[in-house]
Amino acid sequence: MVNELLLSDLQPGQIATIVKFTTEEIFLKLMEMGCLPGEQIEVVQKALFNDPMSISVAGYLLSLRTEEARQIVVNI
């Protein structure tokens, strides 16, 4: 069973796999940093009011705004 969510919906400690991006803009931005569909990510922490959020991906920490995280579809 596939359980697709938006990255912004995950909580700290949850691990997921990137499925797709909803916009070309976020795809190009994250592709340059090695974030591609199929890559495993973990939500490390969320700041006050959930913005920004830190994720672990491809061996490093990345900070994303909630607006950006809403454009990333993941599978848990």
N, C-alpha and C. Protein backbone atom coordinates (compact mmCIF):
# COMPACT_ATOMS: atom_id res chain seq x y z
N MET A 1 0.85 -1.19 0.00
CA MET A 1 0.00 0.00 0.00
C MET A 1 0.88 1.24 0.00
N VAL A 2 0.61 2.14 -0.91
CA VAL A 2 1.38 3.38 -1.02
C VAL A 2 0.72 4.44 -0.15
N ASN A 3 1.55 5.09 0.66
CA ASN A 3 1.04 6.13 1.55
C ASN A 3 1.76 7.43 1.22
N GLU A 4 1.25 8.16 0.22
CA GLU A 4 1.88 9.39 -0.22
C GLU A 4 1.36 10.58 0.57
N LEU A 5 2.29 11.41 1.00
CA LEU A 5 2.00 12.63 1.74
C LEU A 5 2.89 13.74 1.21
N LEU A 6 2.64 14.93 1.67
CA LEU A 6 3.56 16.04 1.39
C LEU A 6 4.62 16.05 2.48
N LEU A 7 5.82 16.41 2.12
CA LEU A 7 6.91 16.47 3.09
C LEU A 7 6.53 17.37 4.27
N SER A 8 5.81 18.42 4.01
CA SER A 8 5.42 19.36 5.07
C SER A 8 4.53 18.71 6.13
N ASP A 9 3.88 17.58 5.81
CA ASP A 9 3.00 16.90 6.76
C ASP A 9 3.74 15.98 7.72
N LEU A 10 4.99 15.67 7.44
CA LEU A 10 5.75 14.75 8.30
C LEU A 10 6.21 15.45 9.57
N GLN A 11 6.45 14.65 10.59
CA GLN A 11 6.91 15.14 11.88
C GLN A 11 8.36 14.72 12.11
N PRO A 12 9.08 15.41 13.00
CA PRO A 12 10.46 15.03 13.30
C PRO A 12 10.57 13.55 13.65
N GLY A 13 11.59 12.91 13.07
CA GLY A 13 11.82 11.49 13.29
C GLY A 13 11.24 10.61 12.20
N GLN A 14 10.32 11.13 11.41
CA GLN A 14 9.73 10.32 10.34
C GLN A 14 10.68 10.25 9.14
N ILE A 15 10.74 9.06 8.55
CA ILE A 15 11.59 8.81 7.39
C ILE A 15 10.68 8.51 6.21
N ALA A 16 11.03 9.04 5.04
CA ALA A 16 10.22 8.84 3.84
C ALA A 16 11.13 8.81 2.62
N THR A 17 10.53 8.50 1.50
CA THR A 17 11.24 8.49 0.22
C THR A 17 10.59 9.52 -0.69
N ILE A 18 11.41 10.31 -1.37
CA ILE A 18 10.89 11.30 -2.30
C ILE A 18 10.25 10.57 -3.48
N VAL A 19 9.00 10.94 -3.79
CA VAL A 19 8.29 10.34 -4.92
C VAL A 19 8.36 11.25 -6.13
N LYS A 20 7.99 12.52 -5.92
CA LYS A 20 7.98 13.49 -7.02
C LYS A 20 7.90 14.90 -6.46
N PHE A 21 8.04 15.85 -7.36
CA PHE A 21 7.93 17.27 -7.02
C PHE A 21 6.74 17.83 -7.78
N THR A 22 6.02 18.74 -7.17
CA THR A 22 4.82 19.27 -7.82
C THR A 22 5.10 20.45 -8.73
N THR A 23 6.28 21.04 -8.63
CA THR A 23 6.63 22.15 -9.53
C THR A 23 8.03 21.95 -10.09
N GLU A 24 8.25 22.46 -11.26
CA GLU A 24 9.56 22.39 -11.91
C GLU A 24 10.60 23.20 -11.14
N GLU A 25 10.16 24.33 -10.57
CA GLU A 25 11.07 25.20 -9.83
C GLU A 25 11.73 24.48 -8.65
N ILE A 26 10.93 23.81 -7.84
CA ILE A 26 11.49 23.11 -6.69
C ILE A 26 12.31 21.90 -7.14
N PHE A 27 11.90 21.27 -8.23
CA PHE A 27 12.66 20.13 -8.74
C PHE A 27 14.07 20.56 -9.13
N LEU A 28 14.19 21.64 -9.87
CA LEU A 28 15.51 22.12 -10.30
C LEU A 28 16.37 22.53 -9.11
N LYS A 29 15.76 23.21 -8.16
CA LYS A 29 16.50 23.67 -6.97
C LYS A 29 17.05 22.49 -6.18
N LEU A 30 16.21 21.48 -5.93
CA LEU A 30 16.64 20.34 -5.12
C LEU A 30 17.51 19.36 -5.90
N MET A 31 17.30 19.26 -7.21
CA MET A 31 18.13 18.40 -8.03
C MET A 31 19.60 18.83 -7.95
N GLU A 32 19.83 20.12 -7.93
CA GLU A 32 21.19 20.65 -7.82
C GLU A 32 21.86 20.24 -6.51
N MET A 33 21.04 19.93 -5.50
CA MET A 33 21.56 19.52 -4.20
C MET A 33 21.54 18.01 -4.01
N GLY A 34 21.21 17.27 -5.06
CA GLY A 34 21.21 15.82 -4.98
C GLY A 34 19.94 15.19 -4.48
N CYS A 35 18.89 15.97 -4.34
CA CYS A 35 17.60 15.44 -3.89
C CYS A 35 16.79 15.03 -5.10
N LEU A 36 16.68 13.75 -5.31
CA LEU A 36 15.98 13.22 -6.47
C LEU A 36 14.92 12.23 -6.04
N PRO A 37 13.92 11.98 -6.88
CA PRO A 37 12.95 10.93 -6.54
C PRO A 37 13.68 9.62 -6.26
N GLY A 38 13.24 8.93 -5.23
CA GLY A 38 13.87 7.69 -4.79
C GLY A 38 14.83 7.89 -3.64
N GLU A 39 15.21 9.11 -3.36
CA GLU A 39 16.14 9.43 -2.27
C GLU A 39 15.39 9.37 -0.93
N GLN A 40 16.01 8.74 0.06
CA GLN A 40 15.41 8.64 1.40
C GLN A 40 15.73 9.90 2.18
N ILE A 41 14.73 10.42 2.90
CA ILE A 41 14.91 11.62 3.71
C ILE A 41 14.33 11.39 5.10
N GLU A 42 14.83 12.16 6.06
CA GLU A 42 14.31 12.12 7.42
C GLU A 42 14.08 13.55 7.88
N VAL A 43 12.93 13.78 8.50
CA VAL A 43 12.67 15.09 9.10
C VAL A 43 13.41 15.13 10.43
N VAL A 44 14.33 16.06 10.56
CA VAL A 44 15.15 16.16 11.77
C VAL A 44 14.47 17.05 12.79
N GLN A 45 14.01 18.22 12.36
CA GLN A 45 13.32 19.12 13.29
C GLN A 45 12.50 20.13 12.53
N LYS A 46 11.56 20.71 13.25
CA LYS A 46 10.76 21.80 12.72
C LYS A 46 10.89 22.98 13.67
N ALA A 47 11.04 24.16 13.11
CA ALA A 47 11.16 25.36 13.92
C ALA A 47 9.77 25.75 14.45
N LEU A 48 9.76 26.75 15.28
CA LEU A 48 8.52 27.28 15.81
C LEU A 48 7.57 27.58 14.66
N PHE A 49 6.34 27.18 14.78
CA PHE A 49 5.32 27.33 13.73
C PHE A 49 5.66 26.54 12.47
N ASN A 50 6.54 25.53 12.61
CA ASN A 50 6.90 24.59 11.54
C ASN A 50 7.64 25.20 10.37
N ASP A 51 8.20 26.38 10.51
CA ASP A 51 8.87 27.02 9.38
C ASP A 51 10.15 27.71 9.84
N PRO A 52 11.31 27.31 9.37
CA PRO A 52 11.57 26.25 8.40
C PRO A 52 11.65 24.88 9.07
N MET A 53 11.91 23.86 8.26
CA MET A 53 12.11 22.52 8.77
C MET A 53 13.46 22.02 8.27
N SER A 54 14.12 21.20 9.08
CA SER A 54 15.40 20.62 8.70
C SER A 54 15.18 19.15 8.34
N ILE A 55 15.78 18.76 7.20
CA ILE A 55 15.70 17.37 6.79
C ILE A 55 17.11 16.84 6.54
N SER A 56 17.26 15.55 6.71
CA SER A 56 18.51 14.88 6.40
C SER A 56 18.31 14.17 5.07
N VAL A 57 19.17 14.48 4.11
CA VAL A 57 19.06 13.88 2.78
C VAL A 57 20.45 13.81 2.16
N ALA A 58 20.75 12.69 1.54
CA ALA A 58 22.02 12.49 0.82
C ALA A 58 23.24 12.79 1.70
N GLY A 59 23.12 12.51 3.02
CA GLY A 59 24.26 12.67 3.91
C GLY A 59 24.46 14.06 4.48
N TYR A 60 23.53 14.96 4.28
CA TYR A 60 23.68 16.30 4.86
C TYR A 60 22.33 16.83 5.32
N LEU A 61 22.38 17.92 6.10
CA LEU A 61 21.15 18.57 6.58
C LEU A 61 20.78 19.70 5.64
N LEU A 62 19.50 19.79 5.38
CA LEU A 62 18.98 20.81 4.48
C LEU A 62 17.80 21.49 5.17
N SER A 63 17.75 22.79 5.09
CA SER A 63 16.65 23.55 5.68
C SER A 63 15.71 23.98 4.56
N LEU A 64 14.43 23.68 4.74
CA LEU A 64 13.42 24.03 3.74
C LEU A 64 12.31 24.84 4.38
N ARG A 65 11.79 25.79 3.65
CA ARG A 65 10.59 26.50 4.09
C ARG A 65 9.40 25.57 3.93
N THR A 66 8.38 25.78 4.73
CA THR A 66 7.18 24.96 4.65
C THR A 66 6.58 25.03 3.25
N GLU A 67 6.61 26.19 2.65
CA GLU A 67 6.09 26.36 1.28
C GLU A 67 6.83 25.44 0.31
N GLU A 68 8.14 25.30 0.46
CA GLU A 68 8.92 24.38 -0.39
C GLU A 68 8.58 22.92 -0.09
N ALA A 69 8.45 22.61 1.19
CA ALA A 69 8.15 21.22 1.60
C ALA A 69 6.78 20.78 1.11
N ARG A 70 5.88 21.72 0.90
CA ARG A 70 4.54 21.39 0.37
C ARG A 70 4.59 20.98 -1.09
N GLN A 71 5.70 21.19 -1.75
CA GLN A 71 5.84 20.85 -3.16
C GLN A 71 6.57 19.52 -3.38
N ILE A 72 6.83 18.80 -2.28
CA ILE A 72 7.56 17.53 -2.36
C ILE A 72 6.64 16.42 -1.87
N VAL A 73 6.34 15.49 -2.77
CA VAL A 73 5.49 14.34 -2.44
C VAL A 73 6.41 13.22 -1.99
N VAL A 74 6.09 12.61 -0.84
CA VAL A 74 6.91 11.53 -0.29
C VAL A 74 6.05 10.31 -0.01
N ASN A 75 6.70 9.18 0.15
CA ASN A 75 6.06 7.92 0.47
C ASN A 75 6.67 7.43 1.78
N ILE A 76 5.82 7.18 2.79
CA ILE A 76 6.35 6.67 4.06
C ILE A 76 6.15 5.18 4.16
